[in-house]
Amino acid sequence: MSLTLEGKAPIAPYVMPAGARIGHVHLKVAELERSLRFWRDLIGLEVQQRIGDQAVFLSAGGYHHHIALNTWESAGGSPPAARTTGLYHVALLLPDRPALARALRQLVQAGWPLEGASDHGVSEALYLRDPDGNGVELYRDRPQAEWPRGADGALTMCTKRLDLKALLAEAV
């Protein structure tokens, strides 16, 4: 589909509105039930709708879906090879540090491996992979007033080791 604006003067570059957000992500998966056990039973999302053995829509808090899993083009498929393009990770923003601590406790109890855990100054994050090799980030943001800034006021994010034992101690 191609559209043109003939006879119109050039306009300023488009800027996404401040209220925009990522609404949902669709993931191609090899086995729906295996992925459902990860996203529902381990990560804690709730099923909102299911289309037979082809797709399932999951969310937190009753939203229509944050994550959709489907096998429409991927049933029985393999994860993408390393060093290829594609999705780096899906990031799920948790409301606060205790929620992140409870997510960590769930992963530890299930024996699910972490690939990393970082303090970025603006946020704290846990990194893992789903059964299809998709990267998953579970994180919480610090209040904006606590974000690290340079003398010029510019954001100065970092990557430091996240103290997992201290975080786990906050799982209430």
C-alpha atoms as a PDB file:
ATOM      1  CA  MET A   1       0.000   0.000   0.000  1.00  0.00           C
ATOM      2  CA  SER A   2       1.416   3.345  -0.979  1.00  0.00           C
ATOM      3  CA  LEU A   3      -0.038   6.754  -0.192  1.00  0.00           C
ATOM      4  CA  THR A   4       1.136  10.189  -1.268  1.00  0.00           C
ATOM      5  CA  LEU A   5       0.410  13.731  -0.157  1.00  0.00           C
ATOM      6  CA  GLU A   6       0.598  15.482  -3.488  1.00  0.00           C
ATOM      7  CA  GLY A   7       0.771  19.239  -3.443  1.00  0.00           C
ATOM      8  CA  LYS A   8       1.387  19.409   0.316  1.00  0.00           C
ATOM      9  CA  ALA A   9       4.247  21.409   1.805  1.00  0.00           C
ATOM     10  CA  PRO A  10       6.890  19.455   3.746  1.00  0.00           C
ATOM     11  CA  ILE A  11       6.048  19.052   7.403  1.00  0.00           C
ATOM     12  CA  ALA A  12       8.183  18.640  10.506  1.00  0.00           C
ATOM     13  CA  PRO A  13       9.360  15.106  11.322  1.00  0.00           C
ATOM     14  CA  TYR A  14       6.775  13.030  13.138  1.00  0.00           C
ATOM     15  CA  VAL A  15       7.354  12.588  16.896  1.00  0.00           C
ATOM     16  CA  MET A  16       5.518   9.838  18.755  1.00  0.00           C
ATOM     17  CA  PRO A  17       3.191  11.331  21.434  1.00  0.00           C
ATOM     18  CA  ALA A  18       4.430  11.155  25.036  1.00  0.00           C
ATOM     19  CA  GLY A  19       1.486   8.938  26.060  1.00  0.00           C
ATOM     20  CA  ALA A  20       2.396   6.197  23.568  1.00  0.00           C
ATOM     21  CA  ARG A  21       3.410   2.800  24.921  1.00  0.00           C
ATOM     22  CA  ILE A  22       3.997  -0.728  23.714  1.00  0.00           C
ATOM     23  CA  GLY A  23       0.553  -2.297  23.839  1.00  0.00           C
ATOM     24  CA  HIS A  24       1.373  -5.928  23.116  1.00  0.00           C
ATOM     25  CA  VAL A  25       3.875  -8.288  21.540  1.00  0.00           C
ATOM     26  CA  HIS A  26       3.145 -11.353  19.409  1.00  0.00           C
ATOM     27  CA  LEU A  27       5.682 -14.156  19.641  1.00  0.00           C
ATOM     28  CA  LYS A  28       6.006 -16.989  17.158  1.00  0.00           C
ATOM     29  CA  VAL A  29       6.475 -20.194  19.147  1.00  0.00           C
ATOM     30  CA  ALA A  30       7.125 -23.826  18.269  1.00  0.00           C
ATOM     31  CA  GLU A  31       4.854 -25.453  20.863  1.00  0.00           C
ATOM     32  CA  LEU A  32       1.921 -23.533  22.298  1.00  0.00           C
ATOM     33  CA  GLU A  33       1.516 -25.611  25.483  1.00  0.00           C
ATOM     34  CA  ARG A  34       5.232 -25.433  26.324  1.00  0.00           C
ATOM     35  CA  SER A  35       5.221 -21.653  25.881  1.00  0.00           C
ATOM     36  CA  LEU A  36       1.991 -21.335  27.840  1.00  0.00           C
ATOM     37  CA  ARG A  37       3.595 -23.140  30.789  1.00  0.00           C
ATOM     38  CA  PHE A  38       6.371 -20.533  30.751  1.00  0.00           C
ATOM     39  CA  TRP A  39       4.335 -17.334  30.234  1.00  0.00           C
ATOM     40  CA  ARG A  40       1.318 -18.345  32.360  1.00  0.00           C
ATOM     41  CA  ASP A  41       2.694 -20.671  35.015  1.00  0.00           C
ATOM     42  CA  LEU A  42       6.178 -19.189  35.532  1.00  0.00           C
ATOM     43  CA  ILE A  43       5.871 -15.524  34.522  1.00  0.00           C
ATOM     44  CA  GLY A  44       2.307 -15.272  35.883  1.00  0.00           C
ATOM     45  CA  LEU A  45       0.358 -13.793  32.965  1.00  0.00           C
ATOM     46  CA  GLU A  46      -3.318 -14.751  32.735  1.00  0.00           C
ATOM     47  CA  VAL A  47      -5.005 -16.255  29.685  1.00  0.00           C
ATOM     48  CA  GLN A  48      -7.531 -13.842  28.195  1.00  0.00           C
ATOM     49  CA  GLN A  49      -8.426 -15.771  25.048  1.00  0.00           C
ATOM     50  CA  ARG A  50      -7.381 -18.906  23.248  1.00  0.00           C
ATOM     51  CA  ILE A  51      -7.728 -19.922  19.605  1.00  0.00           C
ATOM     52  CA  GLY A  52      -7.548 -23.703  19.755  1.00  0.00           C
ATOM     53  CA  ASP A  53      -3.999 -25.010  19.581  1.00  0.00           C
ATOM     54  CA  GLN A  54      -2.826 -22.090  17.428  1.00  0.00           C
ATOM     55  CA  ALA A  55      -2.785 -18.981  19.620  1.00  0.00           C
ATOM     56  CA  VAL A  56      -3.266 -17.695  23.137  1.00  0.00           C
ATOM     57  CA  PHE A  57      -3.516 -14.121  24.413  1.00  0.00           C
ATOM     58  CA  LEU A  58      -2.150 -13.367  27.901  1.00  0.00           C
ATOM     59  CA  SER A  59      -2.024 -10.314  30.123  1.00  0.00           C
ATOM     60  CA  ALA A  60      -1.699  -8.883  33.579  1.00  0.00           C
ATOM     61  CA  GLY A  61      -4.687  -7.188  35.161  1.00  0.00           C
ATOM     62  CA  GLY A  62      -7.295  -8.224  32.601  1.00  0.00           C
ATOM     63  CA  TYR A  63      -5.940  -6.195  29.650  1.00  0.00           C
ATOM     64  CA  HIS A  64      -6.893  -7.840  26.323  1.00  0.00           C
ATOM     65  CA  HIS A  65      -3.285  -8.985  25.853  1.00  0.00           C
ATOM     66  CA  HIS A  66       0.260  -7.983  26.595  1.00  0.00           C
ATOM     67  CA  ILE A  67       1.778 -11.127  25.080  1.00  0.00           C
ATOM     68  CA  ALA A  68       0.274 -13.250  22.333  1.00  0.00           C
ATOM     69  CA  LEU A  69       1.733 -16.625  21.478  1.00  0.00           C
ATOM     70  CA  ASN A  70       1.018 -18.214  18.126  1.00  0.00           C
ATOM     71  CA  THR A  71       2.144 -21.124  15.974  1.00  0.00           C
ATOM     72  CA  TRP A  72       0.708 -19.765  12.709  1.00  0.00           C
ATOM     73  CA  GLU A  73       4.108 -19.666  10.996  1.00  0.00           C
ATOM     74  CA  SER A  74       6.273 -21.472  13.519  1.00  0.00           C
ATOM     75  CA  ALA A  75       4.753 -24.788  14.696  1.00  0.00           C
ATOM     76  CA  GLY A  76       7.607 -27.202  15.331  1.00  0.00           C
ATOM     77  CA  GLY A  77      10.126 -24.516  14.421  1.00  0.00           C
ATOM     78  CA  SER A  78      13.560 -23.802  15.819  1.00  0.00           C
ATOM     79  CA  PRO A  79      14.794 -20.720  17.658  1.00  0.00           C
ATOM     80  CA  PRO A  80      16.587 -18.168  15.493  1.00  0.00           C
ATOM     81  CA  ALA A  81      20.304 -18.781  15.067  1.00  0.00           C
ATOM     82  CA  ALA A  82      22.743 -16.694  17.082  1.00  0.00           C
ATOM     83  CA  ARG A  83      24.039 -13.532  15.425  1.00  0.00           C
ATOM     84  CA  THR A  84      20.904 -13.009  13.325  1.00  0.00           C
ATOM     85  CA  THR A  85      18.447 -10.145  13.424  1.00  0.00           C
ATOM     86  CA  GLY A  86      15.165 -10.297  15.283  1.00  0.00           C
ATOM     87  CA  LEU A  87      13.666  -9.545  18.658  1.00  0.00           C
ATOM     88  CA  TYR A  88      16.310  -8.968  21.345  1.00  0.00           C
ATOM     89  CA  HIS A  89      13.909  -9.224  24.283  1.00  0.00           C
ATOM     90  CA  VAL A  90      10.450  -8.467  25.554  1.00  0.00           C
ATOM     91  CA  ALA A  91      10.544  -6.280  28.663  1.00  0.00           C
ATOM     92  CA  LEU A  92       7.782  -6.571  31.237  1.00  0.00           C
ATOM     93  CA  LEU A  93       7.626  -3.589  33.589  1.00  0.00           C
ATOM     94  CA  LEU A  94       6.668  -4.574  37.123  1.00  0.00           C
ATOM     95  CA  PRO A  95       5.124  -1.981  39.462  1.00  0.00           C
ATOM     96  CA  ASP A  96       7.785  -1.958  42.185  1.00  0.00           C
ATOM     97  CA  ARG A  97      10.822  -3.650  43.745  1.00  0.00           C
ATOM     98  CA  PRO A  98       8.812  -6.117  45.882  1.00  0.00           C
ATOM     99  CA  ALA A  99       7.049  -7.324  42.707  1.00  0.00           C
ATOM    100  CA  LEU A 100      10.428  -7.840  41.030  1.00  0.00           C
ATOM    101  CA  ALA A 101      11.606  -9.704  44.142  1.00  0.00           C
ATOM    102  CA  ARG A 102       8.564 -12.014  43.993  1.00  0.00           C
ATOM    103  CA  ALA A 103       9.246 -12.689  40.297  1.00  0.00           C
ATOM    104  CA  LEU A 104      12.845 -13.602  41.180  1.00  0.00           C
ATOM    105  CA  ARG A 105      11.623 -15.925  43.948  1.00  0.00           C
ATOM    106  CA  GLN A 106       9.300 -17.638  41.430  1.00  0.00           C
ATOM    107  CA  LEU A 107      12.186 -18.168  38.996  1.00  0.00           C
ATOM    108  CA  VAL A 108      14.479 -19.493  41.735  1.00  0.00           C
ATOM    109  CA  GLN A 109      11.811 -21.889  43.065  1.00  0.00           C
ATOM    110  CA  ALA A 110      11.192 -23.189  39.526  1.00  0.00           C
ATOM    111  CA  GLY A 111      14.918 -23.596  38.888  1.00  0.00           C
ATOM    112  CA  TRP A 112      14.649 -21.360  35.798  1.00  0.00           C
ATOM    113  CA  PRO A 113      18.063 -19.978  34.820  1.00  0.00           C
ATOM    114  CA  LEU A 114      18.817 -16.273  34.648  1.00  0.00           C
ATOM    115  CA  GLU A 115      21.062 -14.951  31.898  1.00  0.00           C
ATOM    116  CA  GLY A 116      21.782 -11.787  33.827  1.00  0.00           C
ATOM    117  CA  ALA A 117      20.680  -9.274  36.414  1.00  0.00           C
ATOM    118  CA  SER A 118      21.542  -5.583  36.204  1.00  0.00           C
ATOM    119  CA  ASP A 119      21.084  -2.280  37.944  1.00  0.00           C
ATOM    120  CA  HIS A 120      20.835   0.370  35.204  1.00  0.00           C
ATOM    121  CA  GLY A 121      20.470   3.346  37.549  1.00  0.00           C
ATOM    122  CA  VAL A 122      16.996   4.048  36.153  1.00  0.00           C
ATOM    123  CA  SER A 123      15.828   0.460  36.631  1.00  0.00           C
ATOM    124  CA  GLU A 124      16.656  -2.977  38.007  1.00  0.00           C
ATOM    125  CA  ALA A 125      16.311  -5.937  35.651  1.00  0.00           C
ATOM    126  CA  LEU A 126      16.351  -9.717  35.457  1.00  0.00           C
ATOM    127  CA  TYR A 127      17.158 -11.358  32.095  1.00  0.00           C
ATOM    128  CA  LEU A 128      16.146 -14.839  30.962  1.00  0.00           C
ATOM    129  CA  ARG A 129      14.950 -16.772  27.905  1.00  0.00           C
ATOM    130  CA  ASP A 130      11.612 -18.375  27.162  1.00  0.00           C
ATOM    131  CA  PRO A 131      11.446 -21.957  25.822  1.00  0.00           C
ATOM    132  CA  ASP A 132      11.749 -20.673  22.229  1.00  0.00           C
ATOM    133  CA  GLY A 133      14.881 -18.674  22.957  1.00  0.00           C
ATOM    134  CA  ASN A 134      13.152 -15.283  23.090  1.00  0.00           C
ATOM    135  CA  GLY A 135      14.822 -12.862  25.460  1.00  0.00           C
ATOM    136  CA  VAL A 136      12.707 -11.767  28.426  1.00  0.00           C
ATOM    137  CA  GLU A 137      13.440  -8.853  30.746  1.00  0.00           C
ATOM    138  CA  LEU A 138      11.541  -8.498  34.003  1.00  0.00           C
ATOM    139  CA  TYR A 139      12.237  -5.081  35.473  1.00  0.00           C
ATOM    140  CA  ARG A 140      11.120  -2.256  37.695  1.00  0.00           C
ATOM    141  CA  ASP A 141      11.756   1.438  37.164  1.00  0.00           C
ATOM    142  CA  ARG A 142      13.041   3.693  39.903  1.00  0.00           C
ATOM    143  CA  PRO A 143      11.098   6.945  40.378  1.00  0.00           C
ATOM    144  CA  GLN A 144      12.291   9.537  37.822  1.00  0.00           C
ATOM    145  CA  ALA A 145      13.534  11.780  40.626  1.00  0.00           C
ATOM    146  CA  GLU A 146      16.116   9.061  41.456  1.00  0.00           C
ATOM    147  CA  TRP A 147      17.425   8.604  37.899  1.00  0.00           C
ATOM    148  CA  PRO A 148      21.144   9.346  37.593  1.00  0.00           C
ATOM    149  CA  ARG A 149      21.920  12.540  35.708  1.00  0.00           C
ATOM    150  CA  GLY A 150      25.101  14.311  34.743  1.00  0.00           C
ATOM    151  CA  ALA A 151      25.964  17.930  35.573  1.00  0.00           C
ATOM    152  CA  ASP A 152      24.219  18.976  32.347  1.00  0.00           C
ATOM    153  CA  GLY A 153      21.013  17.171  33.408  1.00  0.00           C
ATOM    154  CA  ALA A 154      21.408  14.427  30.782  1.00  0.00           C
ATOM    155  CA  LEU A 155      20.459  10.887  31.778  1.00  0.00           C
ATOM    156  CA  THR A 156      23.484   8.721  32.672  1.00  0.00           C
ATOM    157  CA  MET A 157      22.265   5.141  32.648  1.00  0.00           C
ATOM    158  CA  CYS A 158      24.729   2.432  33.636  1.00  0.00           C
ATOM    159  CA  THR A 159      25.014  -1.331  33.918  1.00  0.00           C
ATOM    160  CA  LYS A 160      26.036  -2.557  37.357  1.00  0.00           C
ATOM    161  CA  ARG A 161      25.626  -5.902  39.087  1.00  0.00           C
ATOM    162  CA  LEU A 162      22.229  -6.305  40.722  1.00  0.00           C
ATOM    163  CA  ASP A 163      22.450  -7.767  44.228  1.00  0.00           C
ATOM    164  CA  LEU A 164      20.133 -10.770  43.832  1.00  0.00           C
ATOM    165  CA  LYS A 165      20.382 -11.867  47.472  1.00  0.00           C
ATOM    166  CA  ALA A 166      19.253  -8.428  48.647  1.00  0.00           C
ATOM    167  CA  LEU A 167      16.461  -8.402  46.087  1.00  0.00           C
ATOM    168  CA  LEU A 168      15.309 -11.901  47.052  1.00  0.00           C
ATOM    169  CA  ALA A 169      15.160 -10.814  50.708  1.00  0.00           C
ATOM    170  CA  GLU A 170      12.428  -8.327  49.685  1.00  0.00           C
ATOM    171  CA  ALA A 171      10.107 -11.023  48.289  1.00  0.00           C
ATOM    172  CA  VAL A 172       7.046 -10.653  50.504  1.00  0.00           C
END
